[in-house]
Amino acid sequence: MNAPMKTDISLQPVPSWSEEDRARADHYALLARLFYAAPDEALLQALVASSSVLGQGQGVFAEAWRALGAAAASHSAAAVADEYAALFISVGKPKVMLNGSWYLTGFLQEEPLAELRDELAELGLGRRQGVAETEDHLAALAEVMRHLVLTAPDEAGLARQRGFFHRHLARWYGDLAAAIAAAPEADFYIRAGGLLQAFFDIERQAFDMV
């Protein structure tokens, strides 16, 4: 994916990541990719393979992975691309909005976006030139969370992750998942939204315990 965010922050020295942090970063990267553009055939096949491992066991998260893997196995890339366009792309208002400001205020380009831009500037992050999506797009926010997980896996970094997640994702991701589930055009993306909901619920619960 051509990530909607860029960073000038040095990654030296290379942090020491736990297995859990690597898995968290991978899930943020996957969600960013799935909601930035429709998956290609290679990604669909990778989802099927991953679901055979991550879908083992009980619980909502494993169930979400099994459902996504099954959807990836039964959909072509062309069909998912058509669904993505029907849900998230429109010359007017898309059927489902992927921007946090919409769910927080009912409008785009509102105060939550301005606050987000200020915080990103403090982190040394900004939107890449030529990217149309604003910084409060789900894919961009997931990329920022991935960056925060990988660049500072320490106590101070965890505090930044927790603060960013609560300010810019926790208040609206459930509404997004519900909007996808309610859209008649949604099929594959109902399962992608289910994984988003399950993973973000785990993240929120973990942050609340810290």
N, C-alpha and C. Protein backbone atom coordinates (compact mmCIF):
# COMPACT_ATOMS: atom_id res chain seq x y z
N MET A 1 0.84 -1.20 0.00
CA MET A 1 0.00 0.00 0.00
C MET A 1 0.87 1.24 0.00
N ASN A 2 0.49 2.25 -0.78
CA ASN A 2 1.14 3.53 -0.67
C ASN A 2 0.54 4.26 0.51
N ALA A 3 1.24 4.20 1.64
CA ALA A 3 0.69 4.69 2.89
C ALA A 3 0.35 6.17 2.79
N PRO A 4 -0.82 6.58 3.37
CA PRO A 4 -1.22 7.96 3.29
C PRO A 4 -0.43 8.86 4.21
N MET A 5 0.43 8.30 5.05
CA MET A 5 1.19 9.10 5.97
C MET A 5 2.67 8.94 5.69
N LYS A 6 3.47 9.89 6.11
CA LYS A 6 4.91 9.78 6.02
C LYS A 6 5.51 10.18 7.35
N THR A 7 6.75 9.79 7.58
CA THR A 7 7.41 10.17 8.81
C THR A 7 8.84 10.56 8.54
N ASP A 8 9.30 11.56 9.25
CA ASP A 8 10.70 11.96 9.20
C ASP A 8 11.41 11.55 10.48
N ILE A 9 10.73 10.78 11.32
CA ILE A 9 11.32 10.36 12.58
C ILE A 9 12.31 9.25 12.33
N SER A 10 13.50 9.37 12.87
CA SER A 10 14.52 8.34 12.70
C SER A 10 14.14 7.10 13.47
N LEU A 11 14.41 5.94 12.88
CA LEU A 11 14.15 4.68 13.56
C LEU A 11 15.42 4.11 14.19
N GLN A 12 16.45 4.91 14.33
CA GLN A 12 17.71 4.44 14.91
C GLN A 12 17.83 4.91 16.35
N PRO A 13 18.25 4.09 17.27
CA PRO A 13 18.53 2.67 17.07
C PRO A 13 17.25 1.87 16.89
N VAL A 14 17.36 0.72 16.24
CA VAL A 14 16.19 -0.11 15.97
C VAL A 14 15.60 -0.61 17.29
N PRO A 15 14.31 -0.34 17.55
CA PRO A 15 13.70 -0.80 18.79
C PRO A 15 13.63 -2.33 18.85
N SER A 16 13.51 -2.83 20.04
CA SER A 16 13.32 -4.27 20.24
C SER A 16 11.83 -4.53 20.43
N TRP A 17 11.23 -5.22 19.46
CA TRP A 17 9.79 -5.43 19.50
C TRP A 17 9.46 -6.79 20.10
N SER A 18 8.41 -6.83 20.86
CA SER A 18 7.89 -8.11 21.34
C SER A 18 7.08 -8.75 20.23
N GLU A 19 6.83 -10.04 20.38
CA GLU A 19 5.98 -10.75 19.40
C GLU A 19 4.60 -10.12 19.34
N GLU A 20 4.11 -9.69 20.51
CA GLU A 20 2.78 -9.07 20.55
C GLU A 20 2.77 -7.76 19.77
N ASP A 21 3.81 -6.94 19.94
CA ASP A 21 3.86 -5.68 19.23
C ASP A 21 3.97 -5.89 17.72
N ARG A 22 4.75 -6.88 17.31
CA ARG A 22 4.84 -7.17 15.88
C ARG A 22 3.47 -7.57 15.33
N ALA A 23 2.74 -8.39 16.09
CA ALA A 23 1.42 -8.81 15.64
C ALA A 23 0.46 -7.63 15.59
N ARG A 24 0.53 -6.76 16.58
CA ARG A 24 -0.33 -5.57 16.58
C ARG A 24 -0.03 -4.68 15.38
N ALA A 25 1.25 -4.45 15.14
CA ALA A 25 1.64 -3.61 14.00
C ALA A 25 1.16 -4.23 12.69
N ASP A 26 1.26 -5.55 12.58
CA ASP A 26 0.80 -6.23 11.36
C ASP A 26 -0.70 -6.06 11.16
N HIS A 27 -1.45 -6.11 12.25
CA HIS A 27 -2.90 -5.96 12.12
C HIS A 27 -3.27 -4.52 11.75
N TYR A 28 -2.59 -3.55 12.32
CA TYR A 28 -2.85 -2.17 11.91
C TYR A 28 -2.52 -1.99 10.43
N ALA A 29 -1.40 -2.58 9.98
CA ALA A 29 -1.02 -2.46 8.58
C ALA A 29 -2.05 -3.12 7.67
N LEU A 30 -2.56 -4.27 8.08
CA LEU A 30 -3.55 -4.97 7.28
C LEU A 30 -4.84 -4.15 7.16
N LEU A 31 -5.31 -3.62 8.27
CA LEU A 31 -6.53 -2.83 8.23
C LEU A 31 -6.34 -1.57 7.38
N ALA A 32 -5.16 -0.96 7.49
CA ALA A 32 -4.88 0.21 6.65
C ALA A 32 -4.97 -0.18 5.18
N ARG A 33 -4.39 -1.30 4.84
CA ARG A 33 -4.39 -1.75 3.44
C ARG A 33 -5.80 -2.07 2.96
N LEU A 34 -6.57 -2.78 3.76
CA LEU A 34 -7.91 -3.20 3.35
C LEU A 34 -8.85 -2.02 3.14
N PHE A 35 -8.67 -0.96 3.94
CA PHE A 35 -9.59 0.16 3.85
C PHE A 35 -9.04 1.32 3.02
N TYR A 36 -7.79 1.22 2.59
CA TYR A 36 -7.24 2.22 1.68
C TYR A 36 -7.62 1.89 0.24
N ALA A 37 -7.68 0.61 -0.09
CA ALA A 37 -8.05 0.17 -1.44
C ALA A 37 -8.45 -1.30 -1.35
N ALA A 38 -9.17 -1.75 -2.35
CA ALA A 38 -9.59 -3.15 -2.38
C ALA A 38 -8.37 -4.07 -2.50
N PRO A 39 -8.41 -5.23 -1.86
CA PRO A 39 -7.28 -6.16 -1.93
C PRO A 39 -7.15 -6.79 -3.31
N ASP A 40 -5.90 -7.08 -3.71
CA ASP A 40 -5.68 -7.82 -4.94
C ASP A 40 -5.73 -9.32 -4.65
N GLU A 41 -5.53 -10.12 -5.69
CA GLU A 41 -5.63 -11.57 -5.51
C GLU A 41 -4.58 -12.10 -4.53
N ALA A 42 -3.37 -11.52 -4.57
CA ALA A 42 -2.32 -11.98 -3.67
C ALA A 42 -2.70 -11.75 -2.22
N LEU A 43 -3.30 -10.60 -1.92
CA LEU A 43 -3.70 -10.33 -0.55
C LEU A 43 -4.86 -11.22 -0.14
N LEU A 44 -5.80 -11.46 -1.03
CA LEU A 44 -6.90 -12.36 -0.70
C LEU A 44 -6.37 -13.75 -0.35
N GLN A 45 -5.41 -14.24 -1.12
CA GLN A 45 -4.82 -15.55 -0.83
C GLN A 45 -4.08 -15.52 0.50
N ALA A 46 -3.40 -14.40 0.79
CA ALA A 46 -2.70 -14.28 2.07
C ALA A 46 -3.68 -14.28 3.24
N LEU A 47 -4.84 -13.67 3.05
CA LEU A 47 -5.86 -13.68 4.11
C LEU A 47 -6.37 -15.10 4.37
N VAL A 48 -6.55 -15.86 3.31
CA VAL A 48 -6.98 -17.25 3.48
C VAL A 48 -5.94 -18.03 4.29
N ALA A 49 -4.67 -17.86 3.93
CA ALA A 49 -3.60 -18.57 4.63
C ALA A 49 -3.50 -18.12 6.08
N SER A 50 -3.59 -16.83 6.32
CA SER A 50 -3.48 -16.31 7.68
C SER A 50 -4.63 -16.77 8.56
N SER A 51 -5.81 -16.88 7.96
CA SER A 51 -6.98 -17.26 8.75
C SER A 51 -6.87 -18.68 9.29
N SER A 52 -6.11 -19.52 8.60
CA SER A 52 -5.94 -20.89 9.07
C SER A 52 -5.15 -20.95 10.37
N VAL A 53 -4.36 -19.91 10.63
CA VAL A 53 -3.58 -19.82 11.87
C VAL A 53 -4.28 -18.93 12.89
N LEU A 54 -4.61 -17.71 12.48
CA LEU A 54 -5.19 -16.75 13.40
C LEU A 54 -6.65 -17.04 13.72
N GLY A 55 -7.29 -17.88 12.92
CA GLY A 55 -8.67 -18.24 13.17
C GLY A 55 -8.84 -19.44 14.07
N GLN A 56 -7.74 -19.97 14.57
CA GLN A 56 -7.83 -21.11 15.48
C GLN A 56 -8.31 -20.66 16.86
N GLY A 57 -8.98 -21.54 17.54
CA GLY A 57 -9.41 -21.24 18.90
C GLY A 57 -10.78 -20.60 18.96
N GLN A 58 -11.11 -20.13 20.15
CA GLN A 58 -12.42 -19.54 20.42
C GLN A 58 -12.28 -18.03 20.55
N GLY A 59 -13.41 -17.37 20.63
CA GLY A 59 -13.42 -15.93 20.85
C GLY A 59 -13.77 -15.15 19.60
N VAL A 60 -14.13 -13.89 19.82
CA VAL A 60 -14.60 -13.03 18.74
C VAL A 60 -13.50 -12.77 17.73
N PHE A 61 -12.27 -12.59 18.20
CA PHE A 61 -11.17 -12.29 17.29
C PHE A 61 -10.90 -13.45 16.35
N ALA A 62 -10.81 -14.67 16.88
CA ALA A 62 -10.59 -15.84 16.03
C ALA A 62 -11.76 -16.04 15.07
N GLU A 63 -12.96 -15.82 15.57
CA GLU A 63 -14.14 -15.95 14.70
C GLU A 63 -14.11 -14.94 13.57
N ALA A 64 -13.66 -13.71 13.87
CA ALA A 64 -13.57 -12.68 12.83
C ALA A 64 -12.55 -13.07 11.77
N TRP A 65 -11.44 -13.67 12.21
CA TRP A 65 -10.45 -14.11 11.23
C TRP A 65 -10.98 -15.25 10.36
N ARG A 66 -11.70 -16.18 10.96
CA ARG A 66 -12.27 -17.28 10.17
C ARG A 66 -13.25 -16.74 9.13
N ALA A 67 -14.07 -15.78 9.54
CA ALA A 67 -15.05 -15.21 8.62
C ALA A 67 -14.36 -14.45 7.48
N LEU A 68 -13.30 -13.71 7.81
CA LEU A 68 -12.59 -12.97 6.76
C LEU A 68 -11.89 -13.92 5.81
N GLY A 69 -11.29 -14.98 6.35
CA GLY A 69 -10.64 -15.95 5.49
C GLY A 69 -11.61 -16.63 4.55
N ALA A 70 -12.78 -16.97 5.07
CA ALA A 70 -13.80 -17.60 4.22
C ALA A 70 -14.27 -16.63 3.13
N ALA A 71 -14.43 -15.36 3.49
CA ALA A 71 -14.85 -14.37 2.49
C ALA A 71 -13.77 -14.18 1.43
N ALA A 72 -12.51 -14.17 1.85
CA ALA A 72 -11.41 -14.01 0.90
C ALA A 72 -11.35 -15.19 -0.07
N ALA A 73 -11.67 -16.38 0.44
CA ALA A 73 -11.63 -17.58 -0.41
C ALA A 73 -12.78 -17.60 -1.41
N SER A 74 -13.87 -16.94 -1.10
CA SER A 74 -15.06 -17.03 -1.95
C SER A 74 -15.29 -15.81 -2.83
N HIS A 75 -14.39 -14.83 -2.77
CA HIS A 75 -14.54 -13.61 -3.57
C HIS A 75 -13.33 -13.43 -4.47
N SER A 76 -13.57 -12.96 -5.67
CA SER A 76 -12.48 -12.58 -6.57
C SER A 76 -12.05 -11.15 -6.25
N ALA A 77 -10.85 -10.80 -6.68
CA ALA A 77 -10.38 -9.44 -6.48
C ALA A 77 -11.29 -8.44 -7.21
N ALA A 78 -11.78 -8.82 -8.38
CA ALA A 78 -12.66 -7.92 -9.14
C ALA A 78 -13.96 -7.67 -8.39
N ALA A 79 -14.52 -8.72 -7.79
CA ALA A 79 -15.76 -8.56 -7.04
C ALA A 79 -15.57 -7.67 -5.82
N VAL A 80 -14.45 -7.84 -5.12
CA VAL A 80 -14.18 -7.02 -3.94
C VAL A 80 -13.92 -5.58 -4.36
N ALA A 81 -13.25 -5.38 -5.49
CA ALA A 81 -13.01 -4.03 -5.97
C ALA A 81 -14.33 -3.32 -6.28
N ASP A 82 -15.27 -4.05 -6.88
CA ASP A 82 -16.58 -3.46 -7.15
C ASP A 82 -17.29 -3.11 -5.85
N GLU A 83 -17.18 -3.99 -4.87
CA GLU A 83 -17.81 -3.73 -3.58
C GLU A 83 -17.18 -2.52 -2.90
N TYR A 84 -15.86 -2.44 -2.93
CA TYR A 84 -15.18 -1.30 -2.32
C TYR A 84 -15.66 0.01 -2.95
N ALA A 85 -15.74 0.02 -4.27
CA ALA A 85 -16.19 1.23 -4.96
C ALA A 85 -17.62 1.58 -4.59
N ALA A 86 -18.48 0.57 -4.50
CA ALA A 86 -19.89 0.81 -4.17
C ALA A 86 -20.05 1.35 -2.76
N LEU A 87 -19.19 0.92 -1.86
CA LEU A 87 -19.30 1.33 -0.45
C LEU A 87 -18.62 2.65 -0.16
N PHE A 88 -17.40 2.81 -0.64
CA PHE A 88 -16.53 3.86 -0.12
C PHE A 88 -16.17 4.96 -1.12
N ILE A 89 -16.56 4.81 -2.40
CA ILE A 89 -16.18 5.78 -3.41
C ILE A 89 -17.43 6.34 -4.07
N SER A 90 -17.47 7.64 -4.22
CA SER A 90 -18.62 8.27 -4.86
C SER A 90 -18.25 9.69 -5.24
N VAL A 91 -18.87 10.19 -6.31
CA VAL A 91 -18.66 11.60 -6.67
C VAL A 91 -19.37 12.50 -5.67
N GLY A 92 -20.33 11.96 -4.96
CA GLY A 92 -21.01 12.69 -3.90
C GLY A 92 -20.61 12.11 -2.55
N LYS A 93 -21.59 11.78 -1.74
CA LYS A 93 -21.34 11.18 -0.44
C LYS A 93 -21.32 9.67 -0.58
N PRO A 94 -20.24 9.00 -0.21
CA PRO A 94 -20.19 7.54 -0.30
C PRO A 94 -21.23 6.90 0.60
N LYS A 95 -21.57 5.64 0.31
CA LYS A 95 -22.51 4.92 1.16
C LYS A 95 -21.98 4.79 2.59
N VAL A 96 -20.69 4.57 2.71
CA VAL A 96 -20.05 4.45 4.02
C VAL A 96 -18.84 5.37 4.05
N MET A 97 -18.80 6.25 5.02
CA MET A 97 -17.68 7.17 5.18
C MET A 97 -16.57 6.50 5.98
N LEU A 98 -15.34 6.78 5.61
CA LEU A 98 -14.18 6.22 6.31
C LEU A 98 -13.42 7.27 7.11
N ASN A 99 -14.03 8.43 7.31
CA ASN A 99 -13.36 9.54 7.99
C ASN A 99 -13.91 9.75 9.39
N GLY A 100 -13.01 9.88 10.34
CA GLY A 100 -13.43 10.04 11.73
C GLY A 100 -14.28 11.26 11.97
N SER A 101 -13.96 12.38 11.31
CA SER A 101 -14.73 13.61 11.53
C SER A 101 -16.21 13.43 11.23
N TRP A 102 -16.50 12.60 10.25
CA TRP A 102 -17.90 12.38 9.89
C TRP A 102 -18.67 11.75 11.05
N TYR A 103 -18.07 10.77 11.70
CA TYR A 103 -18.76 10.07 12.78
C TYR A 103 -18.78 10.90 14.07
N LEU A 104 -17.81 11.79 14.23
CA LEU A 104 -17.74 12.59 15.44
C LEU A 104 -18.59 13.85 15.37
N THR A 105 -18.77 14.40 14.16
CA THR A 105 -19.48 15.68 14.03
C THR A 105 -20.60 15.65 13.00
N GLY A 106 -20.61 14.65 12.11
CA GLY A 106 -21.59 14.63 11.03
C GLY A 106 -21.14 15.40 9.81
N PHE A 107 -19.91 15.91 9.85
CA PHE A 107 -19.37 16.68 8.73
C PHE A 107 -17.91 16.30 8.52
N LEU A 108 -17.40 16.64 7.33
CA LEU A 108 -15.98 16.47 7.05
C LEU A 108 -15.25 17.80 7.29
N GLN A 109 -13.93 17.72 7.39
CA GLN A 109 -13.11 18.92 7.54
C GLN A 109 -13.51 19.75 8.75
N GLU A 110 -13.82 19.06 9.85
CA GLU A 110 -14.25 19.77 11.05
C GLU A 110 -13.14 19.79 12.10
N GLU A 111 -13.48 20.26 13.30
CA GLU A 111 -12.50 20.46 14.37
C GLU A 111 -11.69 19.20 14.70
N PRO A 112 -12.29 17.99 14.72
CA PRO A 112 -11.46 16.81 15.01
C PRO A 112 -10.30 16.64 14.04
N LEU A 113 -10.51 16.99 12.77
CA LEU A 113 -9.43 16.88 11.79
C LEU A 113 -8.34 17.90 12.08
N ALA A 114 -8.72 19.11 12.44
CA ALA A 114 -7.73 20.14 12.77
C ALA A 114 -6.91 19.72 13.98
N GLU A 115 -7.57 19.17 14.99
CA GLU A 115 -6.86 18.70 16.18
C GLU A 115 -5.91 17.56 15.84
N LEU A 116 -6.37 16.66 14.97
CA LEU A 116 -5.53 15.55 14.54
C LEU A 116 -4.29 16.06 13.82
N ARG A 117 -4.46 17.02 12.93
CA ARG A 117 -3.32 17.56 12.19
C ARG A 117 -2.30 18.20 13.13
N ASP A 118 -2.78 18.88 14.15
CA ASP A 118 -1.86 19.47 15.13
C ASP A 118 -1.06 18.38 15.83
N GLU A 119 -1.74 17.30 16.22
CA GLU A 119 -1.05 16.22 16.92
C GLU A 119 -0.07 15.51 16.00
N LEU A 120 -0.44 15.30 14.76
CA LEU A 120 0.48 14.66 13.81
C LEU A 120 1.72 15.52 13.59
N ALA A 121 1.54 16.82 13.54
CA ALA A 121 2.69 17.70 13.37
C ALA A 121 3.64 17.57 14.56
N GLU A 122 3.10 17.43 15.76
CA GLU A 122 3.94 17.24 16.94
C GLU A 122 4.70 15.93 16.87
N LEU A 123 4.12 14.92 16.23
CA LEU A 123 4.76 13.62 16.08
C LEU A 123 5.73 13.57 14.90
N GLY A 124 5.77 14.64 14.11
CA GLY A 124 6.62 14.65 12.93
C GLY A 124 6.01 13.93 11.75
N LEU A 125 4.69 13.83 11.71
CA LEU A 125 3.99 13.11 10.66
C LEU A 125 3.14 14.07 9.84
N GLY A 126 2.86 13.69 8.62
CA GLY A 126 2.00 14.50 7.78
C GLY A 126 1.53 13.73 6.56
N ARG A 127 0.56 14.26 5.88
CA ARG A 127 0.00 13.61 4.70
C ARG A 127 0.98 13.70 3.54
N ARG A 128 1.15 12.61 2.84
CA ARG A 128 2.03 12.58 1.67
C ARG A 128 1.43 13.40 0.54
N GLN A 129 2.26 14.14 -0.15
CA GLN A 129 1.81 14.95 -1.27
C GLN A 129 1.16 14.07 -2.34
N GLY A 130 0.01 14.50 -2.83
CA GLY A 130 -0.68 13.77 -3.87
C GLY A 130 -1.71 12.79 -3.35
N VAL A 131 -1.76 12.55 -2.04
CA VAL A 131 -2.76 11.65 -1.46
C VAL A 131 -4.05 12.43 -1.23
N ALA A 132 -5.15 11.92 -1.75
CA ALA A 132 -6.42 12.65 -1.68
C ALA A 132 -7.08 12.53 -0.31
N GLU A 133 -6.93 11.39 0.35
CA GLU A 133 -7.61 11.15 1.61
C GLU A 133 -7.06 12.06 2.71
N THR A 134 -7.94 12.58 3.54
CA THR A 134 -7.50 13.40 4.66
C THR A 134 -6.94 12.53 5.78
N GLU A 135 -6.29 13.17 6.72
CA GLU A 135 -5.58 12.44 7.77
C GLU A 135 -6.49 11.66 8.71
N ASP A 136 -7.78 11.98 8.73
CA ASP A 136 -8.70 11.25 9.61
C ASP A 136 -9.32 10.04 8.91
N HIS A 137 -8.84 9.70 7.71
CA HIS A 137 -9.27 8.48 7.04
C HIS A 137 -8.79 7.28 7.87
N LEU A 138 -9.60 6.26 7.94
CA LEU A 138 -9.26 5.09 8.76
C LEU A 138 -7.89 4.52 8.40
N ALA A 139 -7.60 4.43 7.11
CA ALA A 139 -6.32 3.86 6.69
C ALA A 139 -5.15 4.68 7.21
N ALA A 140 -5.28 6.00 7.16
CA ALA A 140 -4.22 6.87 7.66
C ALA A 140 -4.03 6.71 9.16
N LEU A 141 -5.12 6.64 9.89
CA LEU A 141 -5.04 6.50 11.35
C LEU A 141 -4.43 5.15 11.73
N ALA A 142 -4.79 4.10 11.00
CA ALA A 142 -4.20 2.78 11.28
C ALA A 142 -2.70 2.80 10.99
N GLU A 143 -2.29 3.52 9.95
CA GLU A 143 -0.86 3.63 9.65
C GLU A 143 -0.13 4.38 10.77
N VAL A 144 -0.76 5.40 11.31
CA VAL A 144 -0.13 6.12 12.42
C VAL A 144 0.02 5.20 13.63
N MET A 145 -1.01 4.43 13.93
CA MET A 145 -0.91 3.51 15.06
C MET A 145 0.20 2.48 14.82
N ARG A 146 0.31 1.98 13.61
CA ARG A 146 1.39 1.05 13.30
C ARG A 146 2.74 1.71 13.54
N HIS A 147 2.88 2.93 13.09
CA HIS A 147 4.12 3.68 13.29
C HIS A 147 4.42 3.84 14.79
N LEU A 148 3.42 4.18 15.57
CA LEU A 148 3.64 4.39 17.00
C LEU A 148 4.03 3.08 17.69
N VAL A 149 3.44 1.97 17.27
CA VAL A 149 3.79 0.67 17.86
C VAL A 149 5.24 0.33 17.57
N LEU A 150 5.69 0.59 16.35
CA LEU A 150 7.01 0.13 15.93
C LEU A 150 8.14 1.08 16.32
N THR A 151 7.84 2.36 16.50
CA THR A 151 8.92 3.30 16.77
C THR A 151 9.22 3.49 18.25
N ALA A 152 8.31 3.13 19.10
CA ALA A 152 8.54 3.35 20.54
C ALA A 152 7.82 2.30 21.37
N PRO A 153 8.33 1.06 21.37
CA PRO A 153 7.68 0.00 22.16
C PRO A 153 8.12 0.04 23.62
N ASP A 154 8.02 1.22 24.24
CA ASP A 154 8.40 1.38 25.64
C ASP A 154 7.22 2.02 26.37
N GLU A 155 7.40 2.32 27.64
CA GLU A 155 6.29 2.85 28.44
C GLU A 155 5.79 4.18 27.90
N ALA A 156 6.73 5.07 27.54
CA ALA A 156 6.32 6.37 26.99
C ALA A 156 5.62 6.18 25.65
N GLY A 157 6.15 5.27 24.82
CA GLY A 157 5.52 5.01 23.54
C GLY A 157 4.13 4.43 23.69
N LEU A 158 3.95 3.55 24.68
CA LEU A 158 2.64 2.97 24.93
C LEU A 158 1.65 4.04 25.34
N ALA A 159 2.10 5.01 26.11
CA ALA A 159 1.22 6.11 26.51
C ALA A 159 0.80 6.92 25.29
N ARG A 160 1.71 7.13 24.34
CA ARG A 160 1.35 7.85 23.11
C ARG A 160 0.35 7.04 22.29
N GLN A 161 0.58 5.73 22.21
CA GLN A 161 -0.37 4.88 21.49
C GLN A 161 -1.76 4.97 22.11
N ARG A 162 -1.80 4.83 23.43
CA ARG A 162 -3.09 4.86 24.13
C ARG A 162 -3.80 6.18 23.91
N GLY A 163 -3.08 7.29 24.04
CA GLY A 163 -3.70 8.59 23.87
C GLY A 163 -4.21 8.80 22.46
N PHE A 164 -3.40 8.43 21.48
CA PHE A 164 -3.82 8.62 20.08
C PHE A 164 -5.03 7.75 19.76
N PHE A 165 -5.00 6.52 20.19
CA PHE A 165 -6.12 5.61 19.92
C PHE A 165 -7.42 6.14 20.52
N HIS A 166 -7.36 6.57 21.77
CA HIS A 166 -8.58 7.04 22.43
C HIS A 166 -9.09 8.34 21.82
N ARG A 167 -8.19 9.21 21.41
CA ARG A 167 -8.63 10.50 20.86
C ARG A 167 -9.16 10.37 19.43
N HIS A 168 -8.56 9.48 18.64
CA HIS A 168 -8.82 9.52 17.20
C HIS A 168 -9.44 8.26 16.60
N LEU A 169 -9.60 7.19 17.38
CA LEU A 169 -10.21 5.97 16.86
C LEU A 169 -11.31 5.41 17.76
N ALA A 170 -11.10 5.41 19.05
CA ALA A 170 -11.99 4.70 19.97
C ALA A 170 -13.42 5.22 19.91
N ARG A 171 -13.59 6.50 19.64
CA ARG A 171 -14.92 7.10 19.72
C ARG A 171 -15.80 6.82 18.52
N TRP A 172 -15.22 6.24 17.44
CA TRP A 172 -16.07 6.11 16.25
C TRP A 172 -15.90 4.81 15.46
N TYR A 173 -14.91 3.99 15.79
CA TYR A 173 -14.72 2.80 14.95
C TYR A 173 -15.91 1.85 15.01
N GLY A 174 -16.60 1.80 16.15
CA GLY A 174 -17.79 0.96 16.26
C GLY A 174 -18.91 1.43 15.34
N ASP A 175 -19.04 2.74 15.21
CA ASP A 175 -20.06 3.29 14.30
C ASP A 175 -19.72 2.95 12.85
N LEU A 176 -18.44 2.99 12.53
CA LEU A 176 -18.04 2.61 11.17
C LEU A 176 -18.36 1.14 10.90
N ALA A 177 -17.99 0.27 11.81
CA ALA A 177 -18.28 -1.16 11.62
C ALA A 177 -19.77 -1.39 11.47
N ALA A 178 -20.57 -0.68 12.26
CA ALA A 178 -22.03 -0.82 12.17
C ALA A 178 -22.55 -0.31 10.83
N ALA A 179 -21.98 0.77 10.32
CA ALA A 179 -22.41 1.32 9.03
C ALA A 179 -22.10 0.35 7.90
N ILE A 180 -20.94 -0.29 7.97
CA ILE A 180 -20.60 -1.29 6.95
C ILE A 180 -21.57 -2.47 7.02
N ALA A 181 -21.83 -2.95 8.23
CA ALA A 181 -22.71 -4.10 8.40
C ALA A 181 -24.12 -3.81 7.90
N ALA A 182 -24.54 -2.56 7.97
CA ALA A 182 -25.90 -2.19 7.56
C ALA A 182 -26.02 -1.89 6.07
N ALA A 183 -24.91 -1.80 5.36
CA ALA A 183 -24.95 -1.43 3.95
C ALA A 183 -25.33 -2.63 3.10
N PRO A 184 -26.38 -2.52 2.28
CA PRO A 184 -26.79 -3.66 1.45
C PRO A 184 -25.70 -4.13 0.49
N GLU A 185 -24.80 -3.22 0.08
CA GLU A 185 -23.75 -3.58 -0.87
C GLU A 185 -22.62 -4.37 -0.23
N ALA A 186 -22.57 -4.41 1.10
CA ALA A 186 -21.43 -5.00 1.80
C ALA A 186 -21.55 -6.52 1.89
N ASP A 187 -20.47 -7.19 1.64
CA ASP A 187 -20.37 -8.64 1.80
C ASP A 187 -18.98 -8.96 2.35
N PHE A 188 -17.97 -8.89 1.50
CA PHE A 188 -16.59 -9.07 1.97
C PHE A 188 -16.26 -8.06 3.06
N TYR A 189 -16.69 -6.82 2.88
CA TYR A 189 -16.29 -5.79 3.84
C TYR A 189 -17.05 -5.87 5.16
N ILE A 190 -18.13 -6.61 5.20
CA ILE A 190 -18.74 -6.90 6.51
C ILE A 190 -17.74 -7.69 7.35
N ARG A 191 -17.04 -8.62 6.71
CA ARG A 191 -16.05 -9.45 7.42
C ARG A 191 -14.81 -8.62 7.76
N ALA A 192 -14.40 -7.73 6.85
CA ALA A 192 -13.28 -6.85 7.16
C ALA A 192 -13.65 -5.92 8.32
N GLY A 193 -14.88 -5.43 8.31
CA GLY A 193 -15.34 -4.60 9.42
C GLY A 193 -15.43 -5.38 10.72
N GLY A 194 -15.75 -6.66 10.62
CA GLY A 194 -15.79 -7.49 11.82
C GLY A 194 -14.41 -7.66 12.43
N LEU A 195 -13.39 -7.82 11.58
CA LEU A 195 -12.03 -7.92 12.09
C LEU A 195 -11.60 -6.59 12.70
N LEU A 196 -11.93 -5.50 12.04
CA LEU A 196 -11.63 -4.18 12.59
C LEU A 196 -12.23 -4.02 13.98
N GLN A 197 -13.51 -4.36 14.11
CA GLN A 197 -14.19 -4.24 15.40
C GLN A 197 -13.53 -5.12 16.46
N ALA A 198 -13.24 -6.36 16.11
CA ALA A 198 -12.67 -7.29 17.08
C ALA A 198 -11.28 -6.85 17.52
N PHE A 199 -10.43 -6.46 16.57
CA PHE A 199 -9.08 -6.05 16.92
C PHE A 199 -9.07 -4.75 17.71
N PHE A 200 -9.85 -3.77 17.28
CA PHE A 200 -9.88 -2.50 18.01
C PHE A 200 -10.50 -2.67 19.39
N ASP A 201 -11.46 -3.57 19.55
CA ASP A 201 -12.00 -3.84 20.88
C ASP A 201 -10.91 -4.38 21.80
N ILE A 202 -10.07 -5.27 21.27
CA ILE A 202 -8.96 -5.81 22.07
C ILE A 202 -7.99 -4.69 22.44
N GLU A 203 -7.68 -3.84 21.48
CA GLU A 203 -6.76 -2.72 21.74
C GLU A 203 -7.35 -1.80 22.81
N ARG A 204 -8.60 -1.46 22.69
CA ARG A 204 -9.21 -0.56 23.67
C ARG A 204 -9.20 -1.16 25.06
N GLN A 205 -9.55 -2.42 25.16
CA GLN A 205 -9.54 -3.08 26.46
C GLN A 205 -8.13 -3.14 27.06
N ALA A 206 -7.14 -3.41 26.21
CA ALA A 206 -5.76 -3.48 26.70
C ALA A 206 -5.29 -2.11 27.16
N PHE A 207 -5.60 -1.06 26.40
CA PHE A 207 -5.21 0.29 26.80
C PHE A 207 -5.88 0.69 28.10
N ASP A 208 -7.14 0.30 28.28
CA ASP A 208 -7.87 0.65 29.50
C ASP A 208 -7.28 -0.03 30.73
N MET A 209 -6.57 -1.13 30.53
CA MET A 209 -5.97 -1.85 31.65
C MET A 209 -4.60 -1.31 32.05
N VAL A 210 -4.01 -0.51 31.17
CA VAL A 210 -2.65 0.00 31.45
C VAL A 210 -2.73 1.15 32.45
